[in-house]
Amino acid sequence: MNIGNRKRHWETIYGTKNSNQLSWTQEEPKTSLDFISSLGLGKQAKIIDIGGGDSKLVDHLLDQGFEHISVLDISAKALEKTKKRLGIKAEKVNWIVSDVTEFEPDTTYDIWHDRATFHFLTTTQQIEKYLSIARRSISSYMTIGTFSENGPTKCSDLEIKQYSEETLTTELKNGFDKIRCITENHMTPFDTIQNFLFCSFKRRI
């Protein structure tokens, strides 16, 4: 699927479904917040949420006092939903409409957070583009969530790539050192279970 088709796909998803109809919805993204907290950076840390969509991670980061938050998503409609939910607080966030493989950052980030964008990249070319951009963009840490080998094989009618701790670590070995990994069962809004792998990595300079 090319970038134009991917964008149309996600604009349709976010334009026709509410958050309680999307499998990845979390009221509180506790694991993501725990991983970010474990990195021990202050409230001045620059954080980017890749594929943030209408995730509530940004809500919680703002509530915790983080001051430099960016949210990137291919879907403008997803980001508009989040802006509307945040109200005036949305003005504190840098919103970026872009396919991650076409992202051209103008700064570096202390924390690159990605829960469930990476596993939608299923070709070597897509993965190489993503990692090249990540290496240029990350000054300190990456925290990443993907479907595990026990997770779904498709999501939102798209093929995905499953990962184990070993395969994800190998994929990121050029530039990143693993800190820790966990697996977790995510309960979807419609009471099904998806198994995720979450890992944190230190940028190797």
N, C-alpha and C. Protein backbone atom coordinates (compact mmCIF):
# COMPACT_ATOMS: atom_id res chain seq x y z
N MET A 1 0.85 -1.20 0.00
CA MET A 1 0.00 0.00 0.00
C MET A 1 0.88 1.24 0.00
N ASN A 2 0.68 2.13 -0.98
CA ASN A 2 1.50 3.34 -1.03
C ASN A 2 1.01 4.37 -0.01
N ILE A 3 1.76 5.45 0.12
CA ILE A 3 1.46 6.44 1.17
C ILE A 3 0.09 7.07 0.97
N GLY A 4 -0.26 7.37 -0.28
CA GLY A 4 -1.57 7.97 -0.54
C GLY A 4 -2.71 7.06 -0.11
N ASN A 5 -2.59 5.78 -0.39
CA ASN A 5 -3.62 4.82 0.02
C ASN A 5 -3.64 4.64 1.52
N ARG A 6 -2.45 4.65 2.14
CA ARG A 6 -2.40 4.54 3.61
C ARG A 6 -3.11 5.72 4.25
N LYS A 7 -2.85 6.91 3.73
CA LYS A 7 -3.49 8.10 4.29
C LYS A 7 -5.01 8.02 4.14
N ARG A 8 -5.49 7.63 2.97
CA ARG A 8 -6.95 7.51 2.76
C ARG A 8 -7.54 6.47 3.71
N HIS A 9 -6.80 5.37 3.90
CA HIS A 9 -7.28 4.32 4.80
C HIS A 9 -7.50 4.87 6.21
N TRP A 10 -6.48 5.57 6.73
CA TRP A 10 -6.57 6.05 8.11
C TRP A 10 -7.52 7.23 8.25
N GLU A 11 -7.62 8.07 7.23
CA GLU A 11 -8.61 9.16 7.30
C GLU A 11 -10.02 8.57 7.34
N THR A 12 -10.24 7.50 6.60
CA THR A 12 -11.55 6.83 6.63
C THR A 12 -11.83 6.23 7.99
N ILE A 13 -10.83 5.57 8.56
CA ILE A 13 -10.99 4.95 9.88
C ILE A 13 -11.39 6.00 10.91
N TYR A 14 -10.61 7.07 10.98
CA TYR A 14 -10.88 8.09 12.00
C TYR A 14 -12.08 8.96 11.67
N GLY A 15 -12.45 8.98 10.40
CA GLY A 15 -13.62 9.76 10.02
C GLY A 15 -14.93 9.04 10.21
N THR A 16 -14.89 7.72 10.38
CA THR A 16 -16.13 6.94 10.46
C THR A 16 -16.30 6.19 11.77
N LYS A 17 -15.25 6.15 12.62
CA LYS A 17 -15.34 5.37 13.85
C LYS A 17 -15.01 6.24 15.06
N ASN A 18 -15.70 5.96 16.16
CA ASN A 18 -15.38 6.58 17.43
C ASN A 18 -14.30 5.78 18.13
N SER A 19 -13.70 6.37 19.16
CA SER A 19 -12.59 5.70 19.83
C SER A 19 -12.98 4.36 20.42
N ASN A 20 -14.24 4.22 20.87
CA ASN A 20 -14.66 2.94 21.46
C ASN A 20 -14.90 1.86 20.41
N GLN A 21 -14.71 2.21 19.14
CA GLN A 21 -14.81 1.24 18.06
C GLN A 21 -13.43 0.87 17.50
N LEU A 22 -12.38 1.36 18.14
CA LEU A 22 -11.02 1.11 17.69
C LEU A 22 -10.30 0.23 18.69
N SER A 23 -9.69 -0.84 18.20
CA SER A 23 -9.15 -1.86 19.10
C SER A 23 -8.03 -1.34 19.99
N TRP A 24 -7.29 -0.33 19.53
CA TRP A 24 -6.11 0.12 20.27
C TRP A 24 -6.42 1.15 21.35
N THR A 25 -7.67 1.54 21.48
CA THR A 25 -8.03 2.59 22.44
C THR A 25 -7.70 2.18 23.87
N GLN A 26 -7.11 3.11 24.61
CA GLN A 26 -6.82 2.94 26.04
C GLN A 26 -7.26 4.20 26.78
N GLU A 27 -8.00 4.03 27.84
CA GLU A 27 -8.37 5.19 28.65
C GLU A 27 -7.14 5.76 29.34
N GLU A 28 -6.30 4.86 29.84
CA GLU A 28 -5.03 5.27 30.44
C GLU A 28 -3.91 4.41 29.86
N PRO A 29 -3.00 4.98 29.07
CA PRO A 29 -1.90 4.20 28.48
C PRO A 29 -0.80 3.95 29.51
N LYS A 30 -1.13 3.11 30.50
CA LYS A 30 -0.28 2.97 31.68
C LYS A 30 1.13 2.47 31.34
N THR A 31 1.22 1.47 30.45
CA THR A 31 2.53 0.92 30.13
C THR A 31 3.41 1.97 29.47
N SER A 32 2.85 2.71 28.53
CA SER A 32 3.61 3.78 27.87
C SER A 32 4.09 4.80 28.89
N LEU A 33 3.19 5.20 29.80
CA LEU A 33 3.55 6.18 30.81
C LEU A 33 4.63 5.64 31.75
N ASP A 34 4.53 4.36 32.09
CA ASP A 34 5.54 3.75 32.97
C ASP A 34 6.91 3.72 32.30
N PHE A 35 6.93 3.37 31.02
CA PHE A 35 8.21 3.34 30.30
C PHE A 35 8.82 4.74 30.22
N ILE A 36 8.01 5.74 29.90
CA ILE A 36 8.50 7.10 29.81
C ILE A 36 9.03 7.57 31.17
N SER A 37 8.29 7.27 32.23
CA SER A 37 8.72 7.65 33.58
C SER A 37 10.04 6.97 33.95
N SER A 38 10.20 5.71 33.54
CA SER A 38 11.39 4.94 33.91
C SER A 38 12.67 5.52 33.32
N LEU A 39 12.54 6.35 32.29
CA LEU A 39 13.73 6.94 31.66
C LEU A 39 14.30 8.09 32.47
N GLY A 40 13.53 8.60 33.41
CA GLY A 40 14.05 9.53 34.40
C GLY A 40 14.36 10.93 33.90
N LEU A 41 13.72 11.34 32.81
CA LEU A 41 13.97 12.68 32.29
C LEU A 41 13.00 13.68 32.91
N GLY A 42 13.41 14.94 32.93
CA GLY A 42 12.59 15.98 33.54
C GLY A 42 11.46 16.44 32.63
N LYS A 43 10.68 17.38 33.14
CA LYS A 43 9.50 17.87 32.40
C LYS A 43 9.88 18.70 31.18
N GLN A 44 11.14 19.06 31.05
CA GLN A 44 11.60 19.79 29.87
C GLN A 44 11.96 18.85 28.71
N ALA A 45 11.89 17.56 28.93
CA ALA A 45 12.24 16.59 27.89
C ALA A 45 11.35 16.76 26.67
N LYS A 46 11.96 16.67 25.49
CA LYS A 46 11.21 16.74 24.25
C LYS A 46 10.74 15.34 23.88
N ILE A 47 9.41 15.18 23.82
CA ILE A 47 8.80 13.87 23.56
C ILE A 47 8.00 13.94 22.27
N ILE A 48 8.15 12.92 21.42
CA ILE A 48 7.29 12.81 20.25
C ILE A 48 6.55 11.47 20.31
N ASP A 49 5.24 11.53 20.07
CA ASP A 49 4.40 10.33 20.03
C ASP A 49 4.11 10.02 18.56
N ILE A 50 4.70 8.94 18.08
CA ILE A 50 4.58 8.55 16.67
C ILE A 50 3.29 7.75 16.49
N GLY A 51 2.47 8.19 15.52
CA GLY A 51 1.19 7.51 15.31
C GLY A 51 0.24 7.74 16.47
N GLY A 52 0.32 8.95 17.07
CA GLY A 52 -0.47 9.23 18.27
C GLY A 52 -1.97 9.21 18.05
N GLY A 53 -2.41 9.50 16.81
CA GLY A 53 -3.83 9.44 16.51
C GLY A 53 -4.68 10.18 17.53
N ASP A 54 -5.71 9.50 18.05
CA ASP A 54 -6.50 10.12 19.11
C ASP A 54 -6.19 9.47 20.47
N SER A 55 -4.94 8.98 20.60
CA SER A 55 -4.49 8.41 21.87
C SER A 55 -4.55 9.44 22.98
N LYS A 56 -4.77 8.95 24.20
CA LYS A 56 -4.82 9.83 25.37
C LYS A 56 -3.47 9.97 26.06
N LEU A 57 -2.42 9.46 25.43
CA LEU A 57 -1.09 9.63 26.02
C LEU A 57 -0.77 11.11 26.20
N VAL A 58 -1.07 11.91 25.19
CA VAL A 58 -0.76 13.34 25.27
C VAL A 58 -1.50 14.00 26.43
N ASP A 59 -2.74 13.59 26.69
CA ASP A 59 -3.50 14.14 27.81
C ASP A 59 -2.75 13.92 29.12
N HIS A 60 -2.29 12.70 29.31
CA HIS A 60 -1.62 12.34 30.56
C HIS A 60 -0.27 13.03 30.68
N LEU A 61 0.46 13.12 29.57
CA LEU A 61 1.76 13.81 29.62
C LEU A 61 1.59 15.29 29.97
N LEU A 62 0.57 15.91 29.41
CA LEU A 62 0.29 17.31 29.77
C LEU A 62 -0.08 17.42 31.24
N ASP A 63 -0.90 16.50 31.72
CA ASP A 63 -1.31 16.53 33.13
C ASP A 63 -0.12 16.33 34.06
N GLN A 64 0.90 15.59 33.58
CA GLN A 64 2.09 15.35 34.40
C GLN A 64 3.08 16.52 34.33
N GLY A 65 2.79 17.49 33.46
CA GLY A 65 3.62 18.68 33.42
C GLY A 65 4.68 18.73 32.35
N PHE A 66 4.69 17.75 31.42
CA PHE A 66 5.67 17.81 30.34
C PHE A 66 5.34 18.99 29.42
N GLU A 67 6.37 19.69 29.00
CA GLU A 67 6.19 20.98 28.34
C GLU A 67 6.52 20.99 26.85
N HIS A 68 7.16 19.92 26.36
CA HIS A 68 7.58 19.90 24.95
C HIS A 68 7.13 18.59 24.31
N ILE A 69 5.87 18.56 23.92
CA ILE A 69 5.26 17.34 23.38
C ILE A 69 4.89 17.56 21.92
N SER A 70 5.26 16.61 21.07
CA SER A 70 4.82 16.58 19.68
C SER A 70 4.04 15.30 19.44
N VAL A 71 3.00 15.40 18.61
CA VAL A 71 2.22 14.21 18.24
C VAL A 71 2.17 14.15 16.72
N LEU A 72 2.61 13.03 16.18
CA LEU A 72 2.63 12.82 14.73
C LEU A 72 1.63 11.73 14.35
N ASP A 73 0.87 11.99 13.30
CA ASP A 73 -0.01 10.95 12.75
C ASP A 73 -0.25 11.23 11.27
N ILE A 74 -0.47 10.17 10.52
CA ILE A 74 -0.77 10.31 9.09
C ILE A 74 -2.17 10.90 8.87
N SER A 75 -3.04 10.76 9.88
CA SER A 75 -4.44 11.19 9.75
C SER A 75 -4.68 12.55 10.40
N ALA A 76 -5.00 13.54 9.59
CA ALA A 76 -5.36 14.85 10.13
C ALA A 76 -6.63 14.76 10.97
N LYS A 77 -7.56 13.90 10.57
CA LYS A 77 -8.82 13.76 11.30
C LYS A 77 -8.57 13.23 12.71
N ALA A 78 -7.62 12.31 12.85
CA ALA A 78 -7.29 11.78 14.18
C ALA A 78 -6.77 12.89 15.08
N LEU A 79 -5.88 13.70 14.55
CA LEU A 79 -5.31 14.77 15.36
C LEU A 79 -6.35 15.84 15.69
N GLU A 80 -7.26 16.10 14.77
CA GLU A 80 -8.32 17.07 15.06
C GLU A 80 -9.20 16.58 16.20
N LYS A 81 -9.46 15.29 16.25
CA LYS A 81 -10.25 14.74 17.37
C LYS A 81 -9.55 14.99 18.70
N THR A 82 -8.23 14.77 18.70
CA THR A 82 -7.47 14.96 19.94
C THR A 82 -7.43 16.42 20.34
N LYS A 83 -7.23 17.30 19.36
CA LYS A 83 -7.23 18.74 19.65
C LYS A 83 -8.55 19.17 20.25
N LYS A 84 -9.64 18.69 19.68
CA LYS A 84 -10.97 19.05 20.18
C LYS A 84 -11.15 18.56 21.61
N ARG A 85 -10.68 17.36 21.90
CA ARG A 85 -10.80 16.81 23.25
C ARG A 85 -9.99 17.62 24.25
N LEU A 86 -8.80 18.06 23.85
CA LEU A 86 -7.92 18.79 24.76
C LEU A 86 -8.34 20.23 24.97
N GLY A 87 -9.07 20.78 24.00
CA GLY A 87 -9.47 22.17 24.13
C GLY A 87 -8.28 23.10 24.11
N ILE A 88 -8.25 24.06 25.02
CA ILE A 88 -7.19 25.06 25.01
C ILE A 88 -5.81 24.44 25.26
N LYS A 89 -5.78 23.30 25.93
CA LYS A 89 -4.48 22.64 26.20
C LYS A 89 -3.80 22.20 24.91
N ALA A 90 -4.58 22.05 23.83
CA ALA A 90 -3.99 21.62 22.56
C ALA A 90 -2.96 22.61 22.04
N GLU A 91 -3.06 23.86 22.49
CA GLU A 91 -2.12 24.89 22.05
C GLU A 91 -0.71 24.64 22.58
N LYS A 92 -0.58 23.78 23.58
CA LYS A 92 0.72 23.48 24.17
C LYS A 92 1.46 22.38 23.40
N VAL A 93 0.80 21.79 22.39
CA VAL A 93 1.33 20.62 21.70
C VAL A 93 1.69 20.98 20.27
N ASN A 94 2.77 20.37 19.77
CA ASN A 94 3.16 20.52 18.36
C ASN A 94 2.54 19.37 17.58
N TRP A 95 1.63 19.69 16.68
CA TRP A 95 0.89 18.67 15.92
C TRP A 95 1.50 18.52 14.53
N ILE A 96 1.77 17.27 14.13
CA ILE A 96 2.45 16.99 12.87
C ILE A 96 1.64 15.98 12.07
N VAL A 97 1.14 16.39 10.91
CA VAL A 97 0.44 15.46 10.01
C VAL A 97 1.44 14.94 9.00
N SER A 98 1.81 13.67 9.12
CA SER A 98 2.80 13.08 8.22
C SER A 98 2.79 11.57 8.35
N ASP A 99 3.06 10.90 7.24
CA ASP A 99 3.43 9.49 7.30
C ASP A 99 4.81 9.44 7.94
N VAL A 100 5.01 8.55 8.89
CA VAL A 100 6.28 8.55 9.62
C VAL A 100 7.46 8.31 8.68
N THR A 101 7.26 7.57 7.60
CA THR A 101 8.38 7.29 6.70
C THR A 101 8.72 8.49 5.81
N GLU A 102 7.89 9.54 5.87
CA GLU A 102 8.16 10.77 5.12
C GLU A 102 8.44 11.95 6.06
N PHE A 103 8.55 11.68 7.35
CA PHE A 103 8.74 12.70 8.37
C PHE A 103 10.10 13.37 8.20
N GLU A 104 10.11 14.69 8.21
CA GLU A 104 11.35 15.45 8.11
C GLU A 104 11.48 16.34 9.35
N PRO A 105 12.01 15.79 10.43
CA PRO A 105 12.08 16.54 11.69
C PRO A 105 13.04 17.70 11.60
N ASP A 106 12.71 18.79 12.30
CA ASP A 106 13.58 19.96 12.35
C ASP A 106 14.22 20.12 13.73
N THR A 107 14.12 19.05 14.53
CA THR A 107 14.72 19.06 15.85
C THR A 107 15.01 17.61 16.24
N THR A 108 15.61 17.41 17.39
CA THR A 108 15.80 16.06 17.92
C THR A 108 14.95 15.90 19.18
N TYR A 109 14.68 14.65 19.51
CA TYR A 109 13.77 14.33 20.62
C TYR A 109 14.49 13.49 21.67
N ASP A 110 14.21 13.82 22.91
CA ASP A 110 14.77 13.03 24.01
C ASP A 110 14.09 11.68 24.12
N ILE A 111 12.79 11.64 23.81
CA ILE A 111 12.03 10.39 23.86
C ILE A 111 11.18 10.29 22.60
N TRP A 112 11.36 9.20 21.91
CA TRP A 112 10.55 8.83 20.74
C TRP A 112 9.64 7.71 21.19
N HIS A 113 8.34 7.96 21.25
CA HIS A 113 7.38 6.94 21.70
C HIS A 113 6.56 6.47 20.51
N ASP A 114 6.43 5.17 20.38
CA ASP A 114 5.65 4.59 19.28
C ASP A 114 4.93 3.35 19.82
N ARG A 115 3.63 3.48 19.96
CA ARG A 115 2.84 2.31 20.32
C ARG A 115 2.00 1.91 19.09
N ALA A 116 2.52 0.95 18.34
CA ALA A 116 1.73 0.32 17.28
C ALA A 116 1.72 1.04 15.93
N THR A 117 2.75 1.82 15.64
CA THR A 117 2.96 2.24 14.26
C THR A 117 3.96 1.32 13.57
N PHE A 118 5.02 0.99 14.28
CA PHE A 118 6.12 0.23 13.67
C PHE A 118 5.65 -1.09 13.07
N HIS A 119 4.70 -1.77 13.72
CA HIS A 119 4.33 -3.08 13.19
C HIS A 119 3.49 -3.01 11.91
N PHE A 120 3.04 -1.81 11.53
CA PHE A 120 2.36 -1.66 10.25
C PHE A 120 3.35 -1.55 9.08
N LEU A 121 4.62 -1.41 9.38
CA LEU A 121 5.65 -1.35 8.34
C LEU A 121 6.09 -2.77 8.02
N THR A 122 5.72 -3.25 6.86
CA THR A 122 5.90 -4.67 6.56
C THR A 122 6.94 -4.94 5.48
N THR A 123 7.51 -3.90 4.88
CA THR A 123 8.55 -4.10 3.86
C THR A 123 9.88 -3.60 4.39
N THR A 124 10.95 -4.16 3.85
CA THR A 124 12.29 -3.75 4.25
C THR A 124 12.51 -2.26 4.00
N GLN A 125 11.99 -1.76 2.88
CA GLN A 125 12.16 -0.35 2.55
C GLN A 125 11.49 0.55 3.58
N GLN A 126 10.25 0.21 3.97
CA GLN A 126 9.54 1.01 4.97
C GLN A 126 10.29 1.02 6.30
N ILE A 127 10.75 -0.14 6.72
CA ILE A 127 11.45 -0.25 8.00
C ILE A 127 12.76 0.53 7.97
N GLU A 128 13.49 0.43 6.88
CA GLU A 128 14.76 1.16 6.77
C GLU A 128 14.53 2.67 6.79
N LYS A 129 13.47 3.15 6.13
CA LYS A 129 13.15 4.58 6.16
C LYS A 129 12.85 5.03 7.58
N TYR A 130 12.01 4.27 8.25
CA TYR A 130 11.63 4.60 9.63
C TYR A 130 12.86 4.69 10.52
N LEU A 131 13.72 3.68 10.45
CA LEU A 131 14.87 3.63 11.35
C LEU A 131 15.89 4.71 11.00
N SER A 132 16.01 5.05 9.74
CA SER A 132 16.90 6.13 9.34
C SER A 132 16.43 7.46 9.94
N ILE A 133 15.13 7.70 9.88
CA ILE A 133 14.55 8.93 10.46
C ILE A 133 14.70 8.90 11.98
N ALA A 134 14.45 7.75 12.59
CA ALA A 134 14.58 7.65 14.05
C ALA A 134 16.01 7.93 14.50
N ARG A 135 16.99 7.38 13.79
CA ARG A 135 18.39 7.62 14.18
C ARG A 135 18.75 9.10 14.10
N ARG A 136 18.20 9.80 13.12
CA ARG A 136 18.48 11.23 13.00
C ARG A 136 17.74 12.06 14.05
N SER A 137 16.61 11.54 14.51
CA SER A 137 15.69 12.34 15.33
C SER A 137 15.86 12.14 16.82
N ILE A 138 16.42 11.01 17.24
CA ILE A 138 16.44 10.65 18.66
C ILE A 138 17.79 11.00 19.27
N SER A 139 17.74 11.78 20.34
CA SER A 139 18.98 12.11 21.04
C SER A 139 19.24 11.17 22.21
N SER A 140 18.18 10.57 22.76
CA SER A 140 18.36 9.78 23.98
C SER A 140 17.67 8.42 23.95
N TYR A 141 16.33 8.39 23.87
CA TYR A 141 15.62 7.14 24.10
C TYR A 141 14.50 6.90 23.10
N MET A 142 14.23 5.62 22.87
CA MET A 142 13.05 5.18 22.13
C MET A 142 12.29 4.20 23.00
N THR A 143 10.97 4.36 23.07
CA THR A 143 10.12 3.34 23.67
C THR A 143 9.10 2.94 22.63
N ILE A 144 8.97 1.65 22.39
CA ILE A 144 8.22 1.17 21.24
C ILE A 144 7.35 -0.03 21.61
N GLY A 145 6.12 -0.03 21.11
CA GLY A 145 5.21 -1.14 21.32
C GLY A 145 4.78 -1.72 19.98
N THR A 146 4.82 -3.02 19.87
CA THR A 146 4.39 -3.71 18.65
C THR A 146 3.56 -4.93 19.05
N PHE A 147 2.87 -5.51 18.08
CA PHE A 147 2.24 -6.80 18.34
C PHE A 147 3.33 -7.85 18.51
N SER A 148 3.15 -8.68 19.53
CA SER A 148 4.10 -9.75 19.79
C SER A 148 3.83 -10.94 18.86
N GLU A 149 4.63 -11.95 19.00
CA GLU A 149 4.42 -13.18 18.21
C GLU A 149 3.13 -13.89 18.60
N ASN A 150 2.56 -13.51 19.75
CA ASN A 150 1.27 -14.06 20.17
C ASN A 150 0.12 -13.08 19.93
N GLY A 151 0.42 -12.00 19.24
CA GLY A 151 -0.59 -10.99 18.96
C GLY A 151 -1.28 -11.24 17.63
N PRO A 152 -2.13 -10.30 17.21
CA PRO A 152 -2.85 -10.42 15.94
C PRO A 152 -1.89 -10.41 14.75
N THR A 153 -2.37 -10.94 13.64
CA THR A 153 -1.61 -10.90 12.39
C THR A 153 -2.11 -9.79 11.47
N LYS A 154 -3.27 -9.20 11.81
CA LYS A 154 -3.81 -8.07 11.06
C LYS A 154 -4.41 -7.08 12.06
N CYS A 155 -4.48 -5.81 11.64
CA CYS A 155 -5.12 -4.79 12.45
C CYS A 155 -5.74 -3.77 11.52
N SER A 156 -6.97 -3.41 11.77
CA SER A 156 -7.66 -2.42 10.94
C SER A 156 -7.62 -2.84 9.46
N ASP A 157 -7.77 -4.15 9.24
CA ASP A 157 -7.79 -4.73 7.89
C ASP A 157 -6.45 -4.62 7.17
N LEU A 158 -5.38 -4.34 7.89
CA LEU A 158 -4.06 -4.26 7.29
C LEU A 158 -3.16 -5.36 7.85
N GLU A 159 -2.27 -5.88 7.01
CA GLU A 159 -1.27 -6.82 7.48
C GLU A 159 -0.30 -6.10 8.41
N ILE A 160 0.19 -6.83 9.40
CA ILE A 160 1.18 -6.26 10.31
C ILE A 160 2.36 -7.23 10.41
N LYS A 161 3.41 -6.78 11.06
CA LYS A 161 4.58 -7.62 11.30
C LYS A 161 4.72 -7.85 12.80
N GLN A 162 4.71 -9.09 13.21
CA GLN A 162 4.86 -9.41 14.63
C GLN A 162 6.34 -9.39 15.02
N TYR A 163 6.59 -9.13 16.30
CA TYR A 163 7.96 -9.11 16.79
C TYR A 163 8.09 -9.87 18.11
N SER A 164 9.26 -10.46 18.29
CA SER A 164 9.68 -10.96 19.60
C SER A 164 10.73 -10.00 20.13
N GLU A 165 11.09 -10.15 21.39
CA GLU A 165 12.15 -9.32 21.97
C GLU A 165 13.42 -9.43 21.13
N GLU A 166 13.73 -10.65 20.69
CA GLU A 166 14.95 -10.87 19.93
C GLU A 166 14.89 -10.22 18.55
N THR A 167 13.76 -10.39 17.84
CA THR A 167 13.70 -9.84 16.48
C THR A 167 13.63 -8.31 16.49
N LEU A 168 12.95 -7.74 17.49
CA LEU A 168 12.90 -6.28 17.56
C LEU A 168 14.28 -5.71 17.92
N THR A 169 14.97 -6.34 18.85
CA THR A 169 16.31 -5.90 19.22
C THR A 169 17.26 -5.99 18.03
N THR A 170 17.14 -7.05 17.26
CA THR A 170 17.97 -7.21 16.08
C THR A 170 17.66 -6.14 15.04
N GLU A 171 16.38 -5.83 14.86
CA GLU A 171 15.98 -4.81 13.88
C GLU A 171 16.55 -3.44 14.24
N LEU A 172 16.69 -3.18 15.53
CA LEU A 172 17.14 -1.86 15.98
C LEU A 172 18.63 -1.83 16.36
N LYS A 173 19.36 -2.90 16.04
CA LYS A 173 20.74 -3.00 16.53
C LYS A 173 21.65 -1.92 15.95
N ASN A 174 21.29 -1.38 14.78
CA ASN A 174 22.09 -0.30 14.20
C ASN A 174 21.65 1.03 14.80
N GLY A 175 22.21 1.35 15.96
CA GLY A 175 21.94 2.65 16.56
C GLY A 175 21.28 2.62 17.92
N PHE A 176 20.77 1.45 18.36
CA PHE A 176 20.02 1.42 19.61
C PHE A 176 20.40 0.21 20.46
N ASP A 177 20.55 0.45 21.76
CA ASP A 177 20.83 -0.62 22.72
C ASP A 177 19.60 -0.85 23.58
N LYS A 178 19.17 -2.10 23.68
CA LYS A 178 17.97 -2.44 24.46
C LYS A 178 18.20 -2.16 25.95
N ILE A 179 17.17 -1.57 26.57
CA ILE A 179 17.17 -1.40 28.01
C ILE A 179 16.35 -2.52 28.66
N ARG A 180 15.09 -2.62 28.25
CA ARG A 180 14.24 -3.69 28.79
C ARG A 180 13.04 -3.90 27.88
N CYS A 181 12.43 -5.08 28.01
CA CYS A 181 11.23 -5.43 27.25
C CYS A 181 10.25 -6.15 28.16
N ILE A 182 8.96 -5.97 27.88
CA ILE A 182 7.92 -6.73 28.55
C ILE A 182 6.86 -7.10 27.50
N THR A 183 6.08 -8.12 27.80
CA THR A 183 4.88 -8.38 27.01
C THR A 183 3.67 -8.09 27.87
N GLU A 184 2.57 -7.74 27.20
CA GLU A 184 1.38 -7.32 27.94
C GLU A 184 0.14 -7.64 27.12
N ASN A 185 -0.91 -8.06 27.80
CA ASN A 185 -2.20 -8.24 27.16
C ASN A 185 -3.00 -6.94 27.23
N HIS A 186 -3.36 -6.44 26.06
CA HIS A 186 -4.21 -5.25 25.97
C HIS A 186 -5.65 -5.69 25.77
N MET A 187 -6.54 -5.23 26.65
CA MET A 187 -7.96 -5.51 26.51
C MET A 187 -8.60 -4.43 25.65
N THR A 188 -9.13 -4.82 24.52
CA THR A 188 -9.73 -3.85 23.61
C THR A 188 -11.08 -3.37 24.15
N PRO A 189 -11.62 -2.29 23.58
CA PRO A 189 -12.93 -1.81 24.04
C PRO A 189 -14.05 -2.82 23.83
N PHE A 190 -13.83 -3.81 22.96
CA PHE A 190 -14.87 -4.83 22.77
C PHE A 190 -14.46 -6.17 23.36
N ASP A 191 -13.64 -6.09 24.44
CA ASP A 191 -13.35 -7.25 25.31
C ASP A 191 -12.66 -8.40 24.60
N THR A 192 -11.77 -8.09 23.67
CA THR A 192 -10.85 -9.09 23.13
C THR A 192 -9.44 -8.73 23.60
N ILE A 193 -8.54 -9.69 23.52
CA ILE A 193 -7.18 -9.50 24.04
C ILE A 193 -6.18 -9.47 22.89
N GLN A 194 -5.29 -8.48 22.94
CA GLN A 194 -4.18 -8.40 22.00
C GLN A 194 -2.88 -8.39 22.79
N ASN A 195 -1.95 -9.26 22.40
CA ASN A 195 -0.68 -9.34 23.11
C ASN A 195 0.35 -8.42 22.46
N PHE A 196 0.90 -7.52 23.26
CA PHE A 196 1.88 -6.53 22.80
C PHE A 196 3.26 -6.82 23.38
N LEU A 197 4.27 -6.40 22.66
CA LEU A 197 5.64 -6.34 23.15
C LEU A 197 6.01 -4.86 23.29
N PHE A 198 6.47 -4.47 24.47
CA PHE A 198 6.95 -3.12 24.71
C PHE A 198 8.43 -3.17 25.07
N CYS A 199 9.23 -2.32 24.44
CA CYS A 199 10.65 -2.25 24.75
C CYS A 199 11.12 -0.80 24.83
N SER A 200 12.15 -0.57 25.60
CA SER A 200 12.84 0.72 25.59
C SER A 200 14.26 0.51 25.12
N PHE A 201 14.80 1.53 24.43
CA PHE A 201 16.13 1.47 23.88
C PHE A 201 16.85 2.79 24.14
N LYS A 202 18.16 2.71 24.30
CA LYS A 202 19.02 3.89 24.42
C LYS A 202 19.68 4.15 23.08
N ARG A 203 19.63 5.39 22.65
CA ARG A 203 20.28 5.75 21.39
C ARG A 203 21.78 5.63 21.56
N ARG A 204 22.41 4.87 20.67
CA ARG A 204 23.85 4.75 20.70
C ARG A 204 24.45 5.81 19.78
N ILE A 205 25.23 6.70 20.33
CA ILE A 205 25.81 7.80 19.55
C ILE A 205 27.19 7.43 19.05
